[in-house]
Full PDB file with SEQRES, HELIX, SHEET, SSBOND, CRYST1, ORIGX, SCALE, CONECT and MASTER records, all heavy atoms in Angstrom:
SEQRES   1 A   32  VAL ALA ASP ILE MET THR GLU LYS SER PRO ASP MET LYS          
SEQRES   2 A   32  LYS ILE ILE MET PRO THR GLN TYR GLU TYR LEU ASP LEU          
SEQRES   3 A   32  ILE THR ALA ASN MET SER                                      
HELIX    1 AA1 ALA A    2  THR A    6  1                                   5    
HELIX    2 AA2 MET A   12  ILE A   15  1                                   4    
SHEET    1 AA1 2 MET A  17  PRO A  18  0                                        
SHEET    2 AA1 2 ASP A  25  LEU A  26 -1                                        
CRYST1    1.000    1.000    1.000  90.00  90.00  90.00 P 1           1          
ORIGX1      1.000000  0.000000  0.000000        0.00000                         
ORIGX2      0.000000  1.000000  0.000000        0.00000                         
ORIGX3      0.000000  0.000000  1.000000        0.00000                         
SCALE1      1.000000  0.000000  0.000000        0.00000                         
SCALE2      0.000000  1.000000  0.000000        0.00000                         
SCALE3      0.000000  0.000000  1.000000        0.00000                         
ATOM      1  N   VAL A   1      -4.039  -2.444   1.127  1.00  0.00           N  
ATOM      2  CA  VAL A   1      -3.578  -3.701   1.850  1.00  0.00           C  
ATOM      3  C   VAL A   1      -4.332  -4.964   1.299  1.00  0.00           C  
ATOM      4  O   VAL A   1      -3.802  -5.983   1.293  1.00  0.00           O  
ATOM      5  CB  VAL A   1      -3.630  -3.507   3.283  1.00  0.00           C  
ATOM      6  CG1 VAL A   1      -5.072  -3.606   3.866  1.00  0.00           C  
ATOM      7  CG2 VAL A   1      -2.815  -4.613   4.030  1.00  0.00           C  
ATOM      8  N   ALA A   2      -5.559  -4.711   0.802  1.00  0.00           N  
ATOM      9  CA  ALA A   2      -6.326  -5.793   0.325  1.00  0.00           C  
ATOM     10  C   ALA A   2      -5.578  -6.489  -0.793  1.00  0.00           C  
ATOM     11  O   ALA A   2      -5.646  -7.682  -1.056  1.00  0.00           O  
ATOM     12  CB  ALA A   2      -7.699  -5.358  -0.016  1.00  0.00           C  
ATOM     13  N   ASP A   3      -4.959  -5.677  -1.560  1.00  0.00           N  
ATOM     14  CA  ASP A   3      -4.182  -6.283  -2.767  1.00  0.00           C  
ATOM     15  C   ASP A   3      -3.058  -7.158  -2.394  1.00  0.00           C  
ATOM     16  O   ASP A   3      -2.561  -8.064  -2.905  1.00  0.00           O  
ATOM     17  CB  ASP A   3      -3.819  -5.098  -3.658  1.00  0.00           C  
ATOM     18  CG  ASP A   3      -4.863  -4.439  -4.248  1.00  0.00           C  
ATOM     19  OD1 ASP A   3      -5.593  -4.882  -5.281  1.00  0.00           O  
ATOM     20  OD2 ASP A   3      -5.265  -3.261  -3.758  1.00  0.00           O  
ATOM     21  N   ILE A   4      -2.353  -6.716  -1.141  1.00  0.00           N  
ATOM     22  CA  ILE A   4      -1.348  -7.602  -0.684  1.00  0.00           C  
ATOM     23  C   ILE A   4      -1.929  -9.080  -0.306  1.00  0.00           C  
ATOM     24  O   ILE A   4      -1.290 -10.088  -0.517  1.00  0.00           O  
ATOM     25  CB  ILE A   4      -0.581  -6.924   0.474  1.00  0.00           C  
ATOM     26  CG1 ILE A   4      -0.028  -5.670   0.072  1.00  0.00           C  
ATOM     27  CG2 ILE A   4       0.370  -7.964   1.182  1.00  0.00           C  
ATOM     28  CD1 ILE A   4       0.766  -4.952   1.248  1.00  0.00           C  
ATOM     29  N   MET A   5      -2.983  -9.024   0.210  1.00  0.00           N  
ATOM     30  CA  MET A   5      -3.699 -10.443   0.694  1.00  0.00           C  
ATOM     31  C   MET A   5      -4.129 -11.187  -0.515  1.00  0.00           C  
ATOM     32  O   MET A   5      -4.059 -12.375  -0.502  1.00  0.00           O  
ATOM     33  CB  MET A   5      -4.833 -10.055   1.587  1.00  0.00           C  
ATOM     34  CG  MET A   5      -4.561  -9.407   2.854  1.00  0.00           C  
ATOM     35  SD  MET A   5      -3.544 -10.581   3.853  1.00  0.00           S  
ATOM     36  CE  MET A   5      -4.750 -11.816   4.291  1.00  0.00           C  
ATOM     37  N   THR A   6      -4.471 -10.608  -1.651  1.00  0.00           N  
ATOM     38  CA  THR A   6      -5.119 -11.362  -2.687  1.00  0.00           C  
ATOM     39  C   THR A   6      -4.185 -11.526  -3.933  1.00  0.00           C  
ATOM     40  O   THR A   6      -4.509 -12.579  -4.693  1.00  0.00           O  
ATOM     41  CB  THR A   6      -6.383 -10.701  -3.180  1.00  0.00           C  
ATOM     42  OG1 THR A   6      -6.105  -9.298  -3.564  1.00  0.00           O  
ATOM     43  CG2 THR A   6      -7.414 -10.670  -1.937  1.00  0.00           C  
ATOM     44  N   GLU A   7      -3.300 -10.615  -4.154  1.00  0.00           N  
ATOM     45  CA  GLU A   7      -2.497 -10.789  -5.492  1.00  0.00           C  
ATOM     46  C   GLU A   7      -1.268 -11.673  -5.025  1.00  0.00           C  
ATOM     47  O   GLU A   7      -0.603 -11.642  -4.174  1.00  0.00           O  
ATOM     48  CB  GLU A   7      -1.991  -9.455  -5.815  1.00  0.00           C  
ATOM     49  CG  GLU A   7      -3.095  -8.450  -6.438  1.00  0.00           C  
ATOM     50  CD  GLU A   7      -2.637  -7.225  -6.924  1.00  0.00           C  
ATOM     51  OE1 GLU A   7      -1.297  -6.959  -7.027  1.00  0.00           O  
ATOM     52  OE2 GLU A   7      -3.404  -6.377  -7.330  1.00  0.00           O  
ATOM     53  N   LYS A   8      -0.966 -12.532  -6.016  1.00  0.00           N  
ATOM     54  CA  LYS A   8       0.230 -13.511  -5.896  1.00  0.00           C  
ATOM     55  C   LYS A   8       1.572 -12.639  -5.797  1.00  0.00           C  
ATOM     56  O   LYS A   8       2.377 -13.172  -4.977  1.00  0.00           O  
ATOM     57  CB  LYS A   8       0.174 -14.529  -6.991  1.00  0.00           C  
ATOM     58  CG  LYS A   8       1.120 -15.614  -6.897  1.00  0.00           C  
ATOM     59  CD  LYS A   8       1.041 -16.745  -7.778  1.00  0.00           C  
ATOM     60  CE  LYS A   8       2.028 -17.839  -7.402  1.00  0.00           C  
ATOM     61  NZ  LYS A   8       1.728 -19.081  -8.425  1.00  0.00           N  
ATOM     62  N   SER A   9       1.710 -11.779  -6.695  1.00  0.00           N  
ATOM     63  CA  SER A   9       2.904 -11.004  -6.604  1.00  0.00           C  
ATOM     64  C   SER A   9       2.610  -9.503  -6.650  1.00  0.00           C  
ATOM     65  O   SER A   9       2.656  -8.900  -7.805  1.00  0.00           O  
ATOM     66  CB  SER A   9       3.825 -11.231  -7.880  1.00  0.00           C  
ATOM     67  OG  SER A   9       4.218 -12.749  -7.856  1.00  0.00           O  
ATOM     68  N   PRO A  10       2.136  -8.956  -5.545  1.00  0.00           N  
ATOM     69  CA  PRO A  10       1.713  -7.579  -5.495  1.00  0.00           C  
ATOM     70  C   PRO A  10       2.854  -6.585  -5.817  1.00  0.00           C  
ATOM     71  O   PRO A  10       3.982  -6.897  -5.372  1.00  0.00           O  
ATOM     72  CB  PRO A  10       1.298  -7.408  -4.039  1.00  0.00           C  
ATOM     73  CG  PRO A  10       1.950  -8.460  -3.329  1.00  0.00           C  
ATOM     74  CD  PRO A  10       2.131  -9.615  -4.230  1.00  0.00           C  
ATOM     75  N   ASP A  11       2.571  -5.597  -6.642  1.00  0.00           N  
ATOM     76  CA  ASP A  11       3.550  -4.513  -6.921  1.00  0.00           C  
ATOM     77  C   ASP A  11       3.616  -3.584  -5.833  1.00  0.00           C  
ATOM     78  O   ASP A  11       2.764  -2.698  -5.711  1.00  0.00           O  
ATOM     79  CB  ASP A  11       3.239  -3.890  -8.096  1.00  0.00           C  
ATOM     80  CG  ASP A  11       4.343  -2.920  -8.626  1.00  0.00           C  
ATOM     81  OD1 ASP A  11       5.210  -2.517  -7.861  1.00  0.00           O  
ATOM     82  OD2 ASP A  11       4.390  -2.696  -9.908  1.00  0.00           O  
ATOM     83  N   MET A  12       4.558  -3.636  -4.860  1.00  0.00           N  
ATOM     84  CA  MET A  12       4.591  -2.858  -3.637  1.00  0.00           C  
ATOM     85  C   MET A  12       4.721  -1.381  -3.984  1.00  0.00           C  
ATOM     86  O   MET A  12       4.212  -0.469  -3.206  1.00  0.00           O  
ATOM     87  CB  MET A  12       5.665  -3.289  -2.760  1.00  0.00           C  
ATOM     88  CG  MET A  12       5.450  -4.720  -2.135  1.00  0.00           C  
ATOM     89  SD  MET A  12       3.868  -5.006  -1.134  1.00  0.00           S  
ATOM     90  CE  MET A  12       4.307  -4.068   0.274  1.00  0.00           C  
ATOM     91  N   LYS A  13       5.433  -0.985  -5.016  1.00  0.00           N  
ATOM     92  CA  LYS A  13       5.606   0.390  -5.603  1.00  0.00           C  
ATOM     93  C   LYS A  13       4.372   1.076  -5.842  1.00  0.00           C  
ATOM     94  O   LYS A  13       4.126   2.217  -5.682  1.00  0.00           O  
ATOM     95  CB  LYS A  13       6.558   0.433  -6.651  1.00  0.00           C  
ATOM     96  CG  LYS A  13       7.961   0.140  -6.267  1.00  0.00           C  
ATOM     97  CD  LYS A  13       8.937   0.251  -7.491  1.00  0.00           C  
ATOM     98  CE  LYS A  13      10.373  -0.085  -7.013  1.00  0.00           C  
ATOM     99  NZ  LYS A  13      11.298   0.111  -8.239  1.00  0.00           N  
ATOM    100  N   LYS A  14       3.374   0.244  -6.292  1.00  0.00           N  
ATOM    101  CA  LYS A  14       1.957   0.842  -6.615  1.00  0.00           C  
ATOM    102  C   LYS A  14       1.073   0.746  -5.430  1.00  0.00           C  
ATOM    103  O   LYS A  14       0.085   1.506  -5.365  1.00  0.00           O  
ATOM    104  CB  LYS A  14       1.358  -0.204  -7.789  1.00  0.00           C  
ATOM    105  CG  LYS A  14       2.064   0.139  -9.164  1.00  0.00           C  
ATOM    106  CD  LYS A  14       1.352  -0.742 -10.141  1.00  0.00           C  
ATOM    107  CE  LYS A  14       1.993  -0.534 -11.571  1.00  0.00           C  
ATOM    108  NZ  LYS A  14       1.355  -1.360 -12.639  1.00  0.00           N  
ATOM    109  N   ILE A  15       1.421   0.028  -4.356  1.00  0.00           N  
ATOM    110  CA  ILE A  15       0.596  -0.126  -3.159  1.00  0.00           C  
ATOM    111  C   ILE A  15       1.063   1.052  -2.121  1.00  0.00           C  
ATOM    112  O   ILE A  15       0.086   1.586  -1.514  1.00  0.00           O  
ATOM    113  CB  ILE A  15       0.666  -1.507  -2.652  1.00  0.00           C  
ATOM    114  CG1 ILE A  15      -0.096  -2.399  -3.599  1.00  0.00           C  
ATOM    115  CG2 ILE A  15      -0.097  -1.479  -1.326  1.00  0.00           C  
ATOM    116  CD1 ILE A  15       0.089  -4.007  -3.271  1.00  0.00           C  
ATOM    117  N   ILE A  16       2.236   1.167  -2.025  1.00  0.00           N  
ATOM    118  CA  ILE A  16       2.804   2.158  -0.907  1.00  0.00           C  
ATOM    119  C   ILE A  16       2.631   3.584  -1.506  1.00  0.00           C  
ATOM    120  O   ILE A  16       2.961   3.863  -2.591  1.00  0.00           O  
ATOM    121  CB  ILE A  16       4.346   1.863  -0.695  1.00  0.00           C  
ATOM    122  CG1 ILE A  16       4.441   0.532  -0.116  1.00  0.00           C  
ATOM    123  CG2 ILE A  16       4.814   2.998   0.131  1.00  0.00           C  
ATOM    124  CD1 ILE A  16       6.014   0.042   0.062  1.00  0.00           C  
ATOM    125  N   MET A  17       2.052   4.346  -0.554  1.00  0.00           N  
ATOM    126  CA  MET A  17       1.764   5.709  -0.841  1.00  0.00           C  
ATOM    127  C   MET A  17       2.689   6.737   0.099  1.00  0.00           C  
ATOM    128  O   MET A  17       2.664   6.450   1.281  1.00  0.00           O  
ATOM    129  CB  MET A  17       0.335   6.026  -0.721  1.00  0.00           C  
ATOM    130  CG  MET A  17      -0.609   5.158  -1.544  1.00  0.00           C  
ATOM    131  SD  MET A  17      -2.320   5.535  -1.322  1.00  0.00           S  
ATOM    132  CE  MET A  17      -2.374   7.179  -1.967  1.00  0.00           C  
ATOM    133  N   PRO A  18       3.217   7.809  -0.492  1.00  0.00           N  
ATOM    134  CA  PRO A  18       3.820   8.709   0.371  1.00  0.00           C  
ATOM    135  C   PRO A  18       2.919   9.606   1.212  1.00  0.00           C  
ATOM    136  O   PRO A  18       1.776   9.836   0.651  1.00  0.00           O  
ATOM    137  CB  PRO A  18       4.624   9.622  -0.578  1.00  0.00           C  
ATOM    138  CG  PRO A  18       3.743   9.514  -1.876  1.00  0.00           C  
ATOM    139  CD  PRO A  18       3.244   8.203  -1.966  1.00  0.00           C  
ATOM    140  N   THR A  19       3.268   9.884   2.431  1.00  0.00           N  
ATOM    141  CA  THR A  19       2.436  10.875   3.206  1.00  0.00           C  
ATOM    142  C   THR A  19       3.190  12.311   2.919  1.00  0.00           C  
ATOM    143  O   THR A  19       4.129  12.468   2.281  1.00  0.00           O  
ATOM    144  CB  THR A  19       2.400  10.460   4.677  1.00  0.00           C  
ATOM    145  OG1 THR A  19       3.731  10.710   5.172  1.00  0.00           O  
ATOM    146  CG2 THR A  19       1.936   9.082   4.829  1.00  0.00           C  
ATOM    147  N   GLN A  20       2.695  13.259   3.684  1.00  0.00           N  
ATOM    148  CA  GLN A  20       3.245  14.490   3.646  1.00  0.00           C  
ATOM    149  C   GLN A  20       4.523  14.730   4.499  1.00  0.00           C  
ATOM    150  O   GLN A  20       5.159  15.753   4.550  1.00  0.00           O  
ATOM    151  CB  GLN A  20       2.188  15.635   4.171  1.00  0.00           C  
ATOM    152  CG  GLN A  20       1.798  15.402   5.563  1.00  0.00           C  
ATOM    153  CD  GLN A  20       0.470  14.728   5.775  1.00  0.00           C  
ATOM    154  OE1 GLN A  20       0.298  13.577   5.166  1.00  0.00           O  
ATOM    155  NE2 GLN A  20      -0.442  15.217   6.395  1.00  0.00           N  
ATOM    156  N   TYR A  21       4.878  13.589   5.132  1.00  0.00           N  
ATOM    157  CA  TYR A  21       6.157  13.577   5.955  1.00  0.00           C  
ATOM    158  C   TYR A  21       7.259  12.751   5.170  1.00  0.00           C  
ATOM    159  O   TYR A  21       7.033  11.725   4.728  1.00  0.00           O  
ATOM    160  CB  TYR A  21       5.919  12.992   7.319  1.00  0.00           C  
ATOM    161  CG  TYR A  21       4.687  13.640   8.014  1.00  0.00           C  
ATOM    162  CD1 TYR A  21       3.483  13.107   8.094  1.00  0.00           C  
ATOM    163  CD2 TYR A  21       4.812  14.843   8.538  1.00  0.00           C  
ATOM    164  CE1 TYR A  21       2.351  13.783   8.667  1.00  0.00           C  
ATOM    165  CE2 TYR A  21       3.866  15.532   9.142  1.00  0.00           C  
ATOM    166  CZ  TYR A  21       2.662  15.031   9.265  1.00  0.00           C  
ATOM    167  OH  TYR A  21       1.522  15.743   9.770  1.00  0.00           O  
ATOM    168  N   GLU A  22       8.312  13.343   5.113  1.00  0.00           N  
ATOM    169  CA  GLU A  22       9.373  12.801   4.223  1.00  0.00           C  
ATOM    170  C   GLU A  22       9.690  11.348   4.420  1.00  0.00           C  
ATOM    171  O   GLU A  22       9.903  10.708   3.453  1.00  0.00           O  
ATOM    172  CB  GLU A  22      10.628  13.708   4.334  1.00  0.00           C  
ATOM    173  CG  GLU A  22      11.879  13.347   3.359  1.00  0.00           C  
ATOM    174  CD  GLU A  22      13.058  14.127   3.575  1.00  0.00           C  
ATOM    175  OE1 GLU A  22      13.050  15.148   4.547  1.00  0.00           O  
ATOM    176  OE2 GLU A  22      13.953  13.918   2.831  1.00  0.00           O  
ATOM    177  N   TYR A  23       9.828  10.944   5.607  1.00  0.00           N  
ATOM    178  CA  TYR A  23      10.289   9.633   5.943  1.00  0.00           C  
ATOM    179  C   TYR A  23       9.258   8.693   6.249  1.00  0.00           C  
ATOM    180  O   TYR A  23       9.429   7.490   6.672  1.00  0.00           O  
ATOM    181  CB  TYR A  23      11.311   9.616   7.032  1.00  0.00           C  
ATOM    182  CG  TYR A  23      12.629  10.418   6.773  1.00  0.00           C  
ATOM    183  CD1 TYR A  23      13.034  11.434   7.496  1.00  0.00           C  
ATOM    184  CD2 TYR A  23      13.453   9.997   5.688  1.00  0.00           C  
ATOM    185  CE1 TYR A  23      14.120  12.164   7.226  1.00  0.00           C  
ATOM    186  CE2 TYR A  23      14.677  10.708   5.403  1.00  0.00           C  
ATOM    187  CZ  TYR A  23      15.073  11.736   6.172  1.00  0.00           C  
ATOM    188  OH  TYR A  23      16.121  12.522   6.017  1.00  0.00           O  
ATOM    189  N   LEU A  24       8.061   9.034   5.992  1.00  0.00           N  
ATOM    190  CA  LEU A  24       6.830   8.189   6.384  1.00  0.00           C  
ATOM    191  C   LEU A  24       5.991   7.885   5.192  1.00  0.00           C  
ATOM    192  O   LEU A  24       5.373   8.747   4.537  1.00  0.00           O  
ATOM    193  CB  LEU A  24       6.072   8.982   7.350  1.00  0.00           C  
ATOM    194  CG  LEU A  24       4.779   8.262   7.912  1.00  0.00           C  
ATOM    195  CD1 LEU A  24       5.068   6.838   8.547  1.00  0.00           C  
ATOM    196  CD2 LEU A  24       4.188   9.018   8.995  1.00  0.00           C  
ATOM    197  N   ASP A  25       5.844   6.514   4.886  1.00  0.00           N  
ATOM    198  CA  ASP A  25       4.954   6.134   3.894  1.00  0.00           C  
ATOM    199  C   ASP A  25       3.894   5.265   4.337  1.00  0.00           C  
ATOM    200  O   ASP A  25       3.865   4.807   5.519  1.00  0.00           O  
ATOM    201  CB  ASP A  25       5.691   5.196   2.773  1.00  0.00           C  
ATOM    202  CG  ASP A  25       6.778   6.042   2.093  1.00  0.00           C  
ATOM    203  OD1 ASP A  25       6.645   7.305   1.936  1.00  0.00           O  
ATOM    204  OD2 ASP A  25       7.736   5.490   1.539  1.00  0.00           O  
ATOM    205  N   LEU A  26       2.747   5.009   3.598  1.00  0.00           N  
ATOM    206  CA  LEU A  26       1.622   4.348   4.036  1.00  0.00           C  
ATOM    207  C   LEU A  26       1.077   3.414   3.123  1.00  0.00           C  
ATOM    208  O   LEU A  26       1.097   3.644   1.960  1.00  0.00           O  
ATOM    209  CB  LEU A  26       0.615   5.481   4.401  1.00  0.00           C  
ATOM    210  CG  LEU A  26      -0.886   5.045   4.759  1.00  0.00           C  
ATOM    211  CD1 LEU A  26      -0.798   4.363   6.189  1.00  0.00           C  
ATOM    212  CD2 LEU A  26      -1.833   6.215   4.823  1.00  0.00           C  
ATOM    213  N   ILE A  27       0.672   2.251   3.658  1.00  0.00           N  
ATOM    214  CA  ILE A  27      -0.245   1.354   2.757  1.00  0.00           C  
ATOM    215  C   ILE A  27      -1.673   1.435   3.455  1.00  0.00           C  
ATOM    216  O   ILE A  27      -1.784   1.215   4.687  1.00  0.00           O  
ATOM    217  CB  ILE A  27       0.170  -0.047   2.987  1.00  0.00           C  
ATOM    218  CG1 ILE A  27       1.606  -0.290   2.267  1.00  0.00           C  
ATOM    219  CG2 ILE A  27      -0.802  -1.129   2.389  1.00  0.00           C  
ATOM    220  CD1 ILE A  27       2.205  -1.701   2.502  1.00  0.00           C  
ATOM    221  N   THR A  28      -2.584   1.837   2.622  1.00  0.00           N  
ATOM    222  CA  THR A  28      -3.872   2.183   3.137  1.00  0.00           C  
ATOM    223  C   THR A  28      -4.858   0.932   3.114  1.00  0.00           C  
ATOM    224  O   THR A  28      -4.431  -0.200   2.740  1.00  0.00           O  
ATOM    225  CB  THR A  28      -4.650   3.143   2.149  1.00  0.00           C  
ATOM    226  OG1 THR A  28      -4.829   2.597   0.842  1.00  0.00           O  
ATOM    227  CG2 THR A  28      -3.799   4.450   1.880  1.00  0.00           C  
ATOM    228  N   ALA A  29      -5.966   1.095   3.796  1.00  0.00           N  
ATOM    229  CA  ALA A  29      -7.055   0.084   3.920  1.00  0.00           C  
ATOM    230  C   ALA A  29      -8.434   0.670   3.775  1.00  0.00           C  
ATOM    231  O   ALA A  29      -8.571   1.892   3.915  1.00  0.00           O  
ATOM    232  CB  ALA A  29      -6.853  -0.558   5.277  1.00  0.00           C  
ATOM    233  N   ASN A  30      -9.281  -0.197   3.301  1.00  0.00           N  
ATOM    234  CA  ASN A  30     -10.645   0.219   3.192  1.00  0.00           C  
ATOM    235  C   ASN A  30     -11.556  -1.072   3.447  1.00  0.00           C  
ATOM    236  O   ASN A  30     -10.954  -2.190   3.714  1.00  0.00           O  
ATOM    237  CB  ASN A  30     -10.929   0.889   1.873  1.00  0.00           C  
ATOM    238  CG  ASN A  30     -10.358   0.146   0.669  1.00  0.00           C  
ATOM    239  OD1 ASN A  30     -10.834  -0.948   0.448  1.00  0.00           O  
ATOM    240  ND2 ASN A  30      -9.718   0.832  -0.111  1.00  0.00           N  
ATOM    241  N   MET A  31     -12.707  -0.993   3.184  1.00  0.00           N  
ATOM    242  CA  MET A  31     -13.724  -2.122   3.341  1.00  0.00           C  
ATOM    243  C   MET A  31     -13.374  -3.280   2.416  1.00  0.00           C  
ATOM    244  O   MET A  31     -13.935  -4.398   2.614  1.00  0.00           O  
ATOM    245  CB  MET A  31     -15.215  -1.656   3.141  1.00  0.00           C  
ATOM    246  CG  MET A  31     -15.595  -0.850   4.344  1.00  0.00           C  
ATOM    247  SD  MET A  31     -15.737  -1.938   5.771  1.00  0.00           S  
ATOM    248  CE  MET A  31     -16.216  -0.601   7.056  1.00  0.00           C  
ATOM    249  N   SER A  32     -12.577  -3.020   1.372  1.00  0.00           N  
ATOM    250  CA  SER A  32     -12.151  -4.008   0.432  1.00  0.00           C  
ATOM    251  C   SER A  32     -11.423  -5.176   1.245  1.00  0.00           C  
ATOM    252  O   SER A  32     -11.462  -6.355   0.825  1.00  0.00           O  
ATOM    253  CB  SER A  32     -11.280  -3.605  -0.736  1.00  0.00           C  
ATOM    254  OG  SER A  32     -12.084  -2.626  -1.518  1.00  0.00           O  
TER     255      SER A  32                                                      
MASTER        0    0    0    2    2    0    0    6  254    1    0    3          
END                                                                             
């Protein structure tokens, strides 16, 4: 999610991650 805040045109396909559940995806966070 930090990249969404800082990049002018974030590539959402590279930021969104699939979970083990078919219809549920995740954008992660960390101390960044």
